[in-house]
Amino acid sequence: MKQFAIIGVSTFGKRVLDELVEVDCEVILIDKRSELIDLYKDSVTSAYIADVLNEETINKLIPVDIDAVIVDLGDNIEASILVTKYLKNKNIKNIVVKAETDQHGEILTIVGADHVVFPYREAAIRVIPMLVSSLLFNYMAIGNGLVMAEIRVPDVFIGQSLIEANIRATKGINVVAIRNEETGGSFDFFSPEVRLQVGDVLLVVGKEENVVSFAEADLPERKKGIGSFFKFIFPRK
């Protein structure tokens, strides 16, 4: 079962929290405001009233093997930078932080944020697929229902050529380029005869539902009462 932590419950953090509690996963919630912890403590796995500006608190409450940590400390720019650095010091592998400005986002990236999210209406919706699937990396809407994404090759396609996999016809997405994360290579164009290997990451373009479906191999199970967003993201077979 995937495990996430949310540090701070401002607008973005609350939206992510509301979506994650509908998924079969563990959620750790940390905020200094007791009223928010009281509000959500029965909906999450663990909830703590804590001062996250203390690095010892981060080390104590955040498991080192957690799947992702989402940081939303409102407009407290200095605090979000400091917490991001603490998480990076702890070698957390997936740090998602809300930024207030472009400059704030640049600093967050420098100190260790893996994904910087700017506050806009669809922010939480766009980041949730990356959190709940270990195959799906960068994910960006490009208009008219199309998205561009980086997806680790699902195990079922390992050893097949792109011709054999026939991803465009069977999955409805176009493979633009390939890189291998294990060798540290950058994206490059490819021959259709190339065989997909462990560690290959595909840069793909397609309709949102097709891209998410392609990356659904390890998605968590749905729960009753799931919101309309997750009915769309995790369609019933």
C-alpha atoms as a PDB file:
ATOM      1  CA  MET A   1       0.000   0.000   0.000  1.00  0.00           C
ATOM      2  CA  LYS A   2       1.337   3.405  -0.935  1.00  0.00           C
ATOM      3  CA  GLN A   3       2.071   5.894   1.831  1.00  0.00           C
ATOM      4  CA  PHE A   4       2.013   9.695   1.600  1.00  0.00           C
ATOM      5  CA  ALA A   5       2.596  12.569   4.001  1.00  0.00           C
ATOM      6  CA  ILE A   6       1.031  16.008   3.740  1.00  0.00           C
ATOM      7  CA  ILE A   7       2.794  18.828   5.571  1.00  0.00           C
ATOM      8  CA  GLY A   8       0.528  21.850   5.825  1.00  0.00           C
ATOM      9  CA  VAL A   9      -3.134  22.083   4.859  1.00  0.00           C
ATOM     10  CA  SER A  10      -3.552  25.264   2.854  1.00  0.00           C
ATOM     11  CA  THR A  11      -5.639  25.309  -0.324  1.00  0.00           C
ATOM     12  CA  PHE A  12      -3.495  22.941  -2.398  1.00  0.00           C
ATOM     13  CA  GLY A  13      -2.698  20.620   0.507  1.00  0.00           C
ATOM     14  CA  LYS A  14      -6.378  20.343   1.366  1.00  0.00           C
ATOM     15  CA  ARG A  15      -7.302  19.507  -2.219  1.00  0.00           C
ATOM     16  CA  VAL A  16      -4.668  16.774  -2.382  1.00  0.00           C
ATOM     17  CA  LEU A  17      -5.748  15.454   1.018  1.00  0.00           C
ATOM     18  CA  ASP A  18      -9.405  15.322  -0.017  1.00  0.00           C
ATOM     19  CA  GLU A  19      -8.465  13.298  -3.100  1.00  0.00           C
ATOM     20  CA  LEU A  20      -6.023  10.947  -1.352  1.00  0.00           C
ATOM     21  CA  VAL A  21      -8.461   9.950   1.382  1.00  0.00           C
ATOM     22  CA  GLU A  22     -10.645   8.486  -1.394  1.00  0.00           C
ATOM     23  CA  VAL A  23      -7.841   6.124  -2.428  1.00  0.00           C
ATOM     24  CA  ASP A  24      -6.737   2.966  -0.666  1.00  0.00           C
ATOM     25  CA  CYS A  25      -3.459   4.345   0.702  1.00  0.00           C
ATOM     26  CA  GLU A  26      -1.925   5.523   3.968  1.00  0.00           C
ATOM     27  CA  VAL A  27      -1.831   9.263   4.673  1.00  0.00           C
ATOM     28  CA  ILE A  28       0.216  11.008   7.370  1.00  0.00           C
ATOM     29  CA  LEU A  29      -0.979  14.550   8.106  1.00  0.00           C
ATOM     30  CA  ILE A  30       1.146  17.178   9.856  1.00  0.00           C
ATOM     31  CA  ASP A  31       0.030  20.721  10.664  1.00  0.00           C
ATOM     32  CA  LYS A  32       0.561  23.130  13.540  1.00  0.00           C
ATOM     33  CA  ARG A  33      -3.146  24.014  13.730  1.00  0.00           C
ATOM     34  CA  SER A  34      -5.015  21.767  16.129  1.00  0.00           C
ATOM     35  CA  GLU A  35      -8.402  22.554  14.589  1.00  0.00           C
ATOM     36  CA  LEU A  36      -7.307  21.132  11.222  1.00  0.00           C
ATOM     37  CA  ILE A  37      -5.835  18.027  12.793  1.00  0.00           C
ATOM     38  CA  ASP A  38      -9.076  17.486  14.725  1.00  0.00           C
ATOM     39  CA  LEU A  39     -11.039  17.887  11.499  1.00  0.00           C
ATOM     40  CA  TYR A  40      -9.064  15.276   9.548  1.00  0.00           C
ATOM     41  CA  LYS A  41      -7.685  12.893  12.176  1.00  0.00           C
ATOM     42  CA  ASP A  42     -10.392  10.286  11.568  1.00  0.00           C
ATOM     43  CA  SER A  43      -9.857  10.354   7.789  1.00  0.00           C
ATOM     44  CA  VAL A  44      -6.104   9.718   7.716  1.00  0.00           C
ATOM     45  CA  THR A  45      -3.757   7.040   9.020  1.00  0.00           C
ATOM     46  CA  SER A  46      -1.890   9.372  11.379  1.00  0.00           C
ATOM     47  CA  ALA A  47      -2.316  13.055  12.251  1.00  0.00           C
ATOM     48  CA  TYR A  48       0.137  15.195  14.208  1.00  0.00           C
ATOM     49  CA  ILE A  49       0.113  18.718  15.612  1.00  0.00           C
ATOM     50  CA  ALA A  50       3.745  19.662  15.140  1.00  0.00           C
ATOM     51  CA  ASP A  51       6.240  22.402  14.338  1.00  0.00           C
ATOM     52  CA  VAL A  52       7.802  21.286  11.073  1.00  0.00           C
ATOM     53  CA  LEU A  53      10.509  23.955  11.257  1.00  0.00           C
ATOM     54  CA  ASN A  54      12.280  21.604  13.644  1.00  0.00           C
ATOM     55  CA  GLU A  55      14.308  19.093  11.613  1.00  0.00           C
ATOM     56  CA  GLU A  56      14.067  16.527  14.401  1.00  0.00           C
ATOM     57  CA  THR A  57      10.283  16.605  14.005  1.00  0.00           C
ATOM     58  CA  ILE A  58      10.581  15.799  10.300  1.00  0.00           C
ATOM     59  CA  ASN A  59      13.006  12.973  11.019  1.00  0.00           C
ATOM     60  CA  LYS A  60      10.709  11.525  13.663  1.00  0.00           C
ATOM     61  CA  LEU A  61       7.373  11.721  11.847  1.00  0.00           C
ATOM     62  CA  ILE A  62       8.293  11.038   8.198  1.00  0.00           C
ATOM     63  CA  PRO A  63       9.337   7.456   7.305  1.00  0.00           C
ATOM     64  CA  VAL A  64      12.407   7.389   5.084  1.00  0.00           C
ATOM     65  CA  ASP A  65      10.747   4.953   2.654  1.00  0.00           C
ATOM     66  CA  ILE A  66       7.557   6.984   2.198  1.00  0.00           C
ATOM     67  CA  ASP A  67       6.304   7.189  -1.396  1.00  0.00           C
ATOM     68  CA  ALA A  68       5.851  10.973  -1.483  1.00  0.00           C
ATOM     69  CA  VAL A  69       5.632  14.041   0.730  1.00  0.00           C
ATOM     70  CA  ILE A  70       3.428  16.988  -0.241  1.00  0.00           C
ATOM     71  CA  VAL A  71       4.327  20.363   1.282  1.00  0.00           C
ATOM     72  CA  ASP A  72       1.880  23.275   1.365  1.00  0.00           C
ATOM     73  CA  LEU A  73       2.741  25.862   3.989  1.00  0.00           C
ATOM     74  CA  GLY A  74       0.634  28.600   2.453  1.00  0.00           C
ATOM     75  CA  ASP A  75       2.489  31.827   1.756  1.00  0.00           C
ATOM     76  CA  ASN A  76       5.286  31.035   4.222  1.00  0.00           C
ATOM     77  CA  ILE A  77       8.006  30.844   1.587  1.00  0.00           C
ATOM     78  CA  GLU A  78      10.930  30.530   3.989  1.00  0.00           C
ATOM     79  CA  ALA A  79       9.274  27.668   5.870  1.00  0.00           C
ATOM     80  CA  SER A  80       8.543  25.677   2.716  1.00  0.00           C
ATOM     81  CA  ILE A  81      12.154  26.042   1.574  1.00  0.00           C
ATOM     82  CA  LEU A  82      13.450  24.920   4.949  1.00  0.00           C
ATOM     83  CA  VAL A  83      11.107  21.912   5.155  1.00  0.00           C
ATOM     84  CA  THR A  84      12.037  20.895   1.604  1.00  0.00           C
ATOM     85  CA  LYS A  85      15.696  20.962   2.595  1.00  0.00           C
ATOM     86  CA  TYR A  86      14.974  18.845   5.688  1.00  0.00           C
ATOM     87  CA  LEU A  87      13.173  16.275   3.532  1.00  0.00           C
ATOM     88  CA  LYS A  88      16.031  16.229   1.032  1.00  0.00           C
ATOM     89  CA  ASN A  89      18.500  15.715   3.882  1.00  0.00           C
ATOM     90  CA  LYS A  90      16.425  12.665   4.839  1.00  0.00           C
ATOM     91  CA  ASN A  91      16.661  11.349   1.252  1.00  0.00           C
ATOM     92  CA  ILE A  92      12.905  11.375   0.675  1.00  0.00           C
ATOM     93  CA  LYS A  93      12.498  10.188  -2.908  1.00  0.00           C
ATOM     94  CA  ASN A  94       9.472  12.209  -4.047  1.00  0.00           C
ATOM     95  CA  ILE A  95       9.033  15.730  -2.649  1.00  0.00           C
ATOM     96  CA  VAL A  96       6.109  17.772  -4.023  1.00  0.00           C
ATOM     97  CA  VAL A  97       5.995  21.415  -2.929  1.00  0.00           C
ATOM     98  CA  LYS A  98       3.583  24.253  -3.672  1.00  0.00           C
ATOM     99  CA  ALA A  99       5.343  27.416  -4.817  1.00  0.00           C
ATOM    100  CA  GLU A 100       4.092  30.996  -4.599  1.00  0.00           C
ATOM    101  CA  THR A 101       6.261  32.567  -7.319  1.00  0.00           C
ATOM    102  CA  ASP A 102       8.623  31.541 -10.107  1.00  0.00           C
ATOM    103  CA  GLN A 103      11.595  32.529  -7.951  1.00  0.00           C
ATOM    104  CA  HIS A 104      10.226  30.501  -5.043  1.00  0.00           C
ATOM    105  CA  GLY A 105       9.877  27.515  -7.372  1.00  0.00           C
ATOM    106  CA  GLU A 106      13.462  27.845  -8.569  1.00  0.00           C
ATOM    107  CA  ILE A 107      14.762  27.854  -5.003  1.00  0.00           C
ATOM    108  CA  LEU A 108      12.612  24.843  -4.093  1.00  0.00           C
ATOM    109  CA  THR A 109      14.099  22.928  -7.016  1.00  0.00           C
ATOM    110  CA  ILE A 110      17.619  23.876  -5.957  1.00  0.00           C
ATOM    111  CA  VAL A 111      17.119  22.680  -2.372  1.00  0.00           C
ATOM    112  CA  GLY A 112      15.596  19.372  -3.413  1.00  0.00           C
ATOM    113  CA  ALA A 113      11.951  19.491  -4.555  1.00  0.00           C
ATOM    114  CA  ASP A 114      11.210  16.810  -7.160  1.00  0.00           C
ATOM    115  CA  HIS A 115       7.964  18.438  -8.286  1.00  0.00           C
ATOM    116  CA  VAL A 116       7.111  22.121  -7.856  1.00  0.00           C
ATOM    117  CA  VAL A 117       3.410  22.932  -8.141  1.00  0.00           C
ATOM    118  CA  PHE A 118       2.110  26.439  -8.746  1.00  0.00           C
ATOM    119  CA  PRO A 119      -1.304  27.279  -7.281  1.00  0.00           C
ATOM    120  CA  TYR A 120      -3.934  27.034  -9.975  1.00  0.00           C
ATOM    121  CA  ARG A 121      -7.338  25.415 -10.056  1.00  0.00           C
ATOM    122  CA  GLU A 122      -6.289  22.077 -11.491  1.00  0.00           C
ATOM    123  CA  ALA A 123      -3.016  21.676  -9.582  1.00  0.00           C
ATOM    124  CA  ALA A 124      -4.103  18.858  -7.295  1.00  0.00           C
ATOM    125  CA  ILE A 125      -5.853  16.998 -10.100  1.00  0.00           C
ATOM    126  CA  ARG A 126      -2.715  17.067 -12.252  1.00  0.00           C
ATOM    127  CA  VAL A 127      -0.356  15.891  -9.525  1.00  0.00           C
ATOM    128  CA  ILE A 128      -2.499  13.043  -8.137  1.00  0.00           C
ATOM    129  CA  PRO A 129      -1.788  10.663 -11.063  1.00  0.00           C
ATOM    130  CA  MET A 130       1.958  11.053 -10.444  1.00  0.00           C
ATOM    131  CA  LEU A 131       1.507  10.241  -6.776  1.00  0.00           C
ATOM    132  CA  VAL A 132      -0.654   7.163  -7.080  1.00  0.00           C
ATOM    133  CA  SER A 133       1.288   5.477  -9.899  1.00  0.00           C
ATOM    134  CA  SER A 134       4.960   4.589  -9.588  1.00  0.00           C
ATOM    135  CA  LEU A 135       5.111   4.333 -13.398  1.00  0.00           C
ATOM    136  CA  LEU A 136       4.030   7.910 -14.083  1.00  0.00           C
ATOM    137  CA  PHE A 137       6.513  10.786 -13.745  1.00  0.00           C
ATOM    138  CA  ASN A 138       6.078  14.249 -15.244  1.00  0.00           C
ATOM    139  CA  TYR A 139       2.511  14.884 -16.341  1.00  0.00           C
ATOM    140  CA  MET A 140       1.393  18.029 -18.165  1.00  0.00           C
ATOM    141  CA  ALA A 141      -1.850  19.046 -19.839  1.00  0.00           C
ATOM    142  CA  ILE A 142      -1.267  20.508 -23.310  1.00  0.00           C
ATOM    143  CA  GLY A 143      -4.869  21.338 -24.246  1.00  0.00           C
ATOM    144  CA  ASN A 144      -7.947  19.781 -25.840  1.00  0.00           C
ATOM    145  CA  GLY A 145      -7.866  16.823 -23.465  1.00  0.00           C
ATOM    146  CA  LEU A 146      -4.309  15.870 -24.420  1.00  0.00           C
ATOM    147  CA  VAL A 147      -1.447  15.372 -21.986  1.00  0.00           C
ATOM    148  CA  MET A 148       2.280  14.767 -22.256  1.00  0.00           C
ATOM    149  CA  ALA A 149       3.837  12.425 -19.715  1.00  0.00           C
ATOM    150  CA  GLU A 150       6.919  10.422 -18.817  1.00  0.00           C
ATOM    151  CA  ILE A 151       5.982   6.801 -18.085  1.00  0.00           C
ATOM    152  CA  ARG A 152       8.213   3.946 -17.004  1.00  0.00           C
ATOM    153  CA  VAL A 153       7.617   0.977 -19.317  1.00  0.00           C
ATOM    154  CA  PRO A 154       5.140  -1.453 -17.684  1.00  0.00           C
ATOM    155  CA  ASP A 155       6.569  -4.928 -17.099  1.00  0.00           C
ATOM    156  CA  VAL A 156       4.232  -6.479 -19.659  1.00  0.00           C
ATOM    157  CA  PHE A 157       6.081  -4.688 -22.481  1.00  0.00           C
ATOM    158  CA  ILE A 158       9.657  -5.472 -21.388  1.00  0.00           C
ATOM    159  CA  GLY A 159      11.479  -7.363 -24.152  1.00  0.00           C
ATOM    160  CA  GLN A 160       9.052  -6.328 -26.874  1.00  0.00           C
ATOM    161  CA  SER A 161       9.891  -4.006 -29.720  1.00  0.00           C
ATOM    162  CA  LEU A 162       7.709  -0.950 -30.213  1.00  0.00           C
ATOM    163  CA  ILE A 163       6.324  -2.640 -33.324  1.00  0.00           C
ATOM    164  CA  GLU A 164       5.351  -5.710 -31.300  1.00  0.00           C
ATOM    165  CA  ALA A 165       3.967  -3.658 -28.410  1.00  0.00           C
ATOM    166  CA  ASN A 166       1.871  -1.634 -30.885  1.00  0.00           C
ATOM    167  CA  ILE A 167       1.196   0.920 -28.156  1.00  0.00           C
ATOM    168  CA  ARG A 168      -0.368   3.488 -30.456  1.00  0.00           C
ATOM    169  CA  ALA A 169      -3.013   1.072 -31.731  1.00  0.00           C
ATOM    170  CA  THR A 170      -3.711  -0.807 -28.497  1.00  0.00           C
ATOM    171  CA  LYS A 171      -3.361   2.005 -25.948  1.00  0.00           C
ATOM    172  CA  GLY A 172      -4.161   5.114 -27.970  1.00  0.00           C
ATOM    173  CA  ILE A 173      -0.961   6.999 -27.118  1.00  0.00           C
ATOM    174  CA  ASN A 174       2.029   8.113 -29.181  1.00  0.00           C
ATOM    175  CA  VAL A 175       5.592   7.411 -28.056  1.00  0.00           C
ATOM    176  CA  VAL A 176       7.716  10.472 -28.822  1.00  0.00           C
ATOM    177  CA  ALA A 177      11.091   9.521 -27.320  1.00  0.00           C
ATOM    178  CA  ILE A 178      12.779   7.036 -24.967  1.00  0.00           C
ATOM    179  CA  ARG A 179      15.370   7.300 -22.208  1.00  0.00           C
ATOM    180  CA  ASN A 180      16.737   4.784 -19.707  1.00  0.00           C
ATOM    181  CA  GLU A 181      16.742   5.986 -16.102  1.00  0.00           C
ATOM    182  CA  GLU A 182      19.210   3.291 -15.001  1.00  0.00           C
ATOM    183  CA  THR A 183      21.900   4.493 -17.412  1.00  0.00           C
ATOM    184  CA  GLY A 184      21.095   8.155 -16.790  1.00  0.00           C
ATOM    185  CA  GLY A 185      20.493   8.831 -20.453  1.00  0.00           C
ATOM    186  CA  SER A 186      18.441  11.707 -21.815  1.00  0.00           C
ATOM    187  CA  PHE A 187      15.443  11.372 -24.121  1.00  0.00           C
ATOM    188  CA  ASP A 188      16.292  10.475 -27.707  1.00  0.00           C
ATOM    189  CA  PHE A 189      14.488   9.401 -30.838  1.00  0.00           C
ATOM    190  CA  PHE A 190      14.305   5.675 -31.517  1.00  0.00           C
ATOM    191  CA  SER A 191      13.947   2.951 -34.093  1.00  0.00           C
ATOM    192  CA  PRO A 192      10.633   1.040 -34.046  1.00  0.00           C
ATOM    193  CA  GLU A 193      12.696  -2.155 -33.857  1.00  0.00           C
ATOM    194  CA  VAL A 194      14.314  -1.182 -30.535  1.00  0.00           C
ATOM    195  CA  ARG A 195      13.395  -3.556 -27.700  1.00  0.00           C
ATOM    196  CA  LEU A 196      12.058  -2.095 -24.486  1.00  0.00           C
ATOM    197  CA  GLN A 197      14.259  -2.706 -21.454  1.00  0.00           C
ATOM    198  CA  VAL A 198      13.974  -2.511 -17.680  1.00  0.00           C
ATOM    199  CA  GLY A 199      14.426   1.146 -16.708  1.00  0.00           C
ATOM    200  CA  ASP A 200      13.162   2.553 -20.004  1.00  0.00           C
ATOM    201  CA  VAL A 201      11.022   5.675 -19.679  1.00  0.00           C
ATOM    202  CA  LEU A 202       8.732   6.719 -22.523  1.00  0.00           C
ATOM    203  CA  LEU A 203       7.824  10.300 -23.389  1.00  0.00           C
ATOM    204  CA  VAL A 204       4.246   9.956 -24.599  1.00  0.00           C
ATOM    205  CA  VAL A 205       1.378  12.122 -25.825  1.00  0.00           C
ATOM    206  CA  GLY A 206      -2.262  11.124 -25.791  1.00  0.00           C
ATOM    207  CA  LYS A 207      -5.691  11.673 -24.352  1.00  0.00           C
ATOM    208  CA  GLU A 208      -5.648  11.990 -20.579  1.00  0.00           C
ATOM    209  CA  GLU A 209      -7.649   8.815 -19.962  1.00  0.00           C
ATOM    210  CA  ASN A 210      -5.418   6.774 -22.297  1.00  0.00           C
ATOM    211  CA  VAL A 211      -2.186   7.982 -20.708  1.00  0.00           C
ATOM    212  CA  VAL A 212      -3.422   7.241 -17.184  1.00  0.00           C
ATOM    213  CA  SER A 213      -4.787   3.856 -18.286  1.00  0.00           C
ATOM    214  CA  PHE A 214      -1.368   2.941 -19.715  1.00  0.00           C
ATOM    215  CA  ALA A 215       0.226   3.735 -16.348  1.00  0.00           C
ATOM    216  CA  GLU A 216      -2.432   1.943 -14.295  1.00  0.00           C
ATOM    217  CA  ALA A 217      -0.493  -1.255 -13.565  1.00  0.00           C
ATOM    218  CA  ASP A 218       0.085  -0.404  -9.898  1.00  0.00           C
ATOM    219  CA  LEU A 219      -2.793   1.993  -9.192  1.00  0.00           C
ATOM    220  CA  PRO A 220      -4.545   1.458  -5.839  1.00  0.00           C
ATOM    221  CA  GLU A 221      -8.011  -0.049  -5.657  1.00  0.00           C
ATOM    222  CA  ARG A 222     -11.044   2.195  -5.676  1.00  0.00           C
ATOM    223  CA  LYS A 223     -13.187   2.689  -2.620  1.00  0.00           C
ATOM    224  CA  LYS A 224     -16.943   3.273  -2.401  1.00  0.00           C
ATOM    225  CA  GLY A 225     -18.004   6.897  -2.519  1.00  0.00           C
ATOM    226  CA  ILE A 226     -15.027   7.874  -4.661  1.00  0.00           C
ATOM    227  CA  GLY A 227     -15.239  11.361  -6.183  1.00  0.00           C
ATOM    228  CA  SER A 228     -16.030  12.072  -9.809  1.00  0.00           C
ATOM    229  CA  PHE A 229     -12.371  12.772 -10.526  1.00  0.00           C
ATOM    230  CA  PHE A 230     -11.274   9.301  -9.509  1.00  0.00           C
ATOM    231  CA  LYS A 231     -14.168   7.719 -11.393  1.00  0.00           C
ATOM    232  CA  PHE A 232     -12.578   9.334 -14.439  1.00  0.00           C
ATOM    233  CA  ILE A 233      -8.951   8.612 -13.587  1.00  0.00           C
ATOM    234  CA  PHE A 234      -9.615   5.013 -12.521  1.00  0.00           C
ATOM    235  CA  PRO A 235     -12.424   3.909 -14.866  1.00  0.00           C
ATOM    236  CA  ARG A 236     -14.161   0.632 -14.137  1.00  0.00           C
ATOM    237  CA  LYS A 237     -13.267  -2.114 -16.536  1.00  0.00           C
END
